[in-house]
Amino acid sequence: MRYGGNTSCVEIRSGADIIILDAGTGLRKLGIALLEEFKTKPLNLTLLISHTHWDHIQGLPFFAPIYESRCRLRILGSEGARKGLESALTGQMESTYFPVPFSKLPSNIEIEELRDFNFAIGSTLVSAHRANHPGFTVGYRLSSPDGVICFFPDTEPRQGGDDRDMIDFIRDADVLILDSQYDRAEYQTHTGWGHGCVDDSVALALKAGVKKLVLFHHDPDHDDKKLDAFVGYARKLVSKAKGKLKVEAAREGMVIQLGGGKAK
């Protein structure tokens, strides 16, 4: 599978800052890679949680750095979780589900609920915005010295991308990582589920002047051939609109270099 099967987890490097978007199962491989890179050096990380649905937090107990005392992890997420963000994250490590309790971890972990939707992580300015998804879900806009990244892993854009608040929030982003789970036919039977379709994702990105759209939140029943078709269809929509938007589908290990560097 070229597009992989891990749930939501994206790493952002900005100068010396390491920012992680969501703690899905992809967090496990990221943790292994970080420990290999930093070895015995201190590791300072910031994790932004879009929401506490299972596929966005289940990687945390398997994140190797939290078992190292030299690791400092700051976790930020919305206060919309029913029993609070800390309860949602630590509850999955109770003895019913996991052998190591959260309270026994040697790392320095801080869990903070967002009350201010505008803050800074080093040289990166971060803003949060409500997403159209069941429960209290947010997306993020990260403005770094090298460019702007918007991350909405779970959201259902309005049909035709007609959402002025959302357009303003993601406007001129260098990269928009956006829930695009369905094609138009599939979406007709999944309206209101909180996930988007390719047509509306492209329309939204075009109206906001986004430079690159990354289709995200792949359906587990979609294979590589189906996702390639999504990308091809999205590019045709852009061409029909005479737009300059670039479109790709998120892949395991995919790297996008902002500030003029090459992607892979």
Foldseek 3Di string as FASTA:
>chain_A
DFADDWFDWDWDDFPPAIEIEFQAQVLLVVLVVVCVVQVPAAAEYEYEYQDLDCRRQVNVVNRVCQQPQSYEYEYEYAQQPPVGPVCSNQVCCPPVHHDDHPVPGNYHYHYDHDPDQWDDDVQKTKGWDAAAAPTTGIWMWIQGPQFIETEDQWHAADVLLPDVVLLVVCAAGQEYEAFAAAAPVVCVVVPSNRGYHLNNQLSNCQSRNYAEYEHHDYDPPDDPVNQVVSQVVSVVVCVVVVHNYHYYYHHVPWADDTNPDDTD
